C-alpha atoms as a PDB file:
ATOM      1  CA  MET A   1    -196.541-308.420 142.808  1.00  0.00           C
ATOM      2  CA  SER A   2    -193.886-311.103 142.370  1.00  0.00           C
ATOM      3  CA  GLY A   3    -194.943-312.952 145.700  1.00  0.00           C
ATOM      4  CA  ARG A   4    -198.645-312.994 144.722  1.00  0.00           C
ATOM      5  CA  TYR A   5    -198.720-316.176 142.755  1.00  0.00           C
ATOM      6  CA  ALA A   6    -197.833-319.649 144.102  1.00  0.00           C
ATOM      7  CA  LEU A   7    -197.889-323.317 143.073  1.00  0.00           C
ATOM      8  CA  GLY A   8    -201.361-324.937 143.307  1.00  0.00           C
ATOM      9  CA  GLN A   9    -203.358-321.720 143.014  1.00  0.00           C
ATOM     10  CA  VAL A  10    -206.410-321.698 140.687  1.00  0.00           C
ATOM     11  CA  VAL A  11    -206.738-318.535 138.624  1.00  0.00           C
ATOM     12  CA  ARG A  12    -209.233-317.233 136.124  1.00  0.00           C
ATOM     13  CA  LEU A  13    -207.870-315.720 132.946  1.00  0.00           C
ATOM     14  CA  LYS A  14    -209.603-313.053 130.734  1.00  0.00           C
ATOM     15  CA  LYS A  15    -210.012-315.225 127.682  1.00  0.00           C
ATOM     16  CA  ASN A  16    -211.443-318.714 127.540  1.00  0.00           C
ATOM     17  CA  HIS A  17    -209.418-321.734 126.454  1.00  0.00           C
ATOM     18  CA  PRO A  18    -210.695-323.281 123.217  1.00  0.00           C
ATOM     19  CA  CYS A  19    -212.210-326.112 125.322  1.00  0.00           C
ATOM     20  CA  GLY A  20    -214.500-323.393 127.064  1.00  0.00           C
ATOM     21  CA  SER A  21    -212.873-323.329 130.453  1.00  0.00           C
ATOM     22  CA  ASN A  22    -211.136-320.133 131.761  1.00  0.00           C
ATOM     23  CA  GLU A  23    -209.871-321.758 135.084  1.00  0.00           C
ATOM     24  CA  TRP A  24    -206.222-322.786 135.321  1.00  0.00           C
ATOM     25  CA  ARG A  25    -204.055-324.253 138.043  1.00  0.00           C
ATOM     26  CA  ILE A  26    -200.465-322.895 138.343  1.00  0.00           C
ATOM     27  CA  ILE A  27    -198.043-325.794 138.175  1.00  0.00           C
ATOM     28  CA  ARG A  28    -194.812-323.863 137.651  1.00  0.00           C
ATOM     29  CA  VAL A  29    -193.686-320.361 138.828  1.00  0.00           C
ATOM     30  CA  GLY A  30    -190.666-318.482 137.697  1.00  0.00           C
ATOM     31  CA  MET A  31    -189.788-316.324 134.690  1.00  0.00           C
ATOM     32  CA  ASP A  32    -192.468-318.431 132.991  1.00  0.00           C
ATOM     33  CA  PHE A  33    -195.628-319.879 134.314  1.00  0.00           C
ATOM     34  CA  ARG A  34    -196.805-323.332 133.471  1.00  0.00           C
ATOM     35  CA  LEU A  35    -200.658-323.587 133.727  1.00  0.00           C
ATOM     36  CA  LYS A  36    -202.912-326.648 133.550  1.00  0.00           C
ATOM     37  CA  CYS A  37    -206.448-326.170 132.107  1.00  0.00           C
ATOM     38  CA  LEU A  38    -208.945-327.453 134.557  1.00  0.00           C
ATOM     39  CA  GLY A  39    -211.403-328.145 131.749  1.00  0.00           C
ATOM     40  CA  CYS A  40    -209.324-330.449 129.419  1.00  0.00           C
ATOM     41  CA  GLY A  41    -206.080-330.997 131.294  1.00  0.00           C
ATOM     42  CA  ARG A  42    -203.802-329.351 128.693  1.00  0.00           C
ATOM     43  CA  SER A  43    -200.810-327.433 129.964  1.00  0.00           C
ATOM     44  CA  VAL A  44    -199.404-324.168 128.497  1.00  0.00           C
ATOM     45  CA  LEU A  45    -196.270-322.102 129.211  1.00  0.00           C
ATOM     46  CA  LEU A  46    -196.613-318.301 129.457  1.00  0.00           C
ATOM     47  CA  PRO A  47    -194.017-315.617 130.057  1.00  0.00           C
ATOM     48  CA  ARG A  48    -194.515-313.769 133.350  1.00  0.00           C
ATOM     49  CA  SER A  49    -195.442-310.497 131.748  1.00  0.00           C
ATOM     50  CA  GLN A  50    -198.142-312.129 129.579  1.00  0.00           C
ATOM     51  CA  PHE A  51    -199.528-314.137 132.439  1.00  0.00           C
ATOM     52  CA  GLU A  52    -199.865-311.103 134.736  1.00  0.00           C
ATOM     53  CA  ARG A  53    -201.720-309.124 132.066  1.00  0.00           C
ATOM     54  CA  ARG A  54    -204.168-312.099 131.461  1.00  0.00           C
ATOM     55  CA  VAL A  55    -205.131-312.950 135.086  1.00  0.00           C
ATOM     56  CA  LYS A  56    -208.542-311.776 136.037  1.00  0.00           C
ATOM     57  CA  GLU A  57    -208.771-313.180 139.606  1.00  0.00           C
ATOM     58  CA  ILE A  58    -207.340-315.809 142.010  1.00  0.00           C
ATOM     59  CA  LEU A  59    -210.122-318.320 142.724  1.00  0.00           C
ATOM     60  CA  GLU A  60    -208.417-320.789 145.053  1.00  0.00           C
ATOM     61  CA  ASP A  61    -205.318-320.479 147.251  1.00  0.00           C
ATOM     62  CA  PRO A  62    -204.204-323.715 148.850  1.00  0.00           C
ATOM     63  CA  TYR A  63    -202.076-321.856 151.417  1.00  0.00           C
ATOM     64  CA  GLU A  64    -204.763-319.770 152.954  1.00  0.00           C
END
């Protein structure tokens, strides 16, 4: 599962952001993931374990 996520992918999380969007772009991958909200532009940092539990689906993969 560690090679499943990459920079630039757009993912949908299970819960909505307070702005109403639930789509995020991955801008950092490692022990932590930095995500940028596609609704309001805010970025958040999530530990890998928390991120993998919250991901619902991968919407866009720039490398395919």
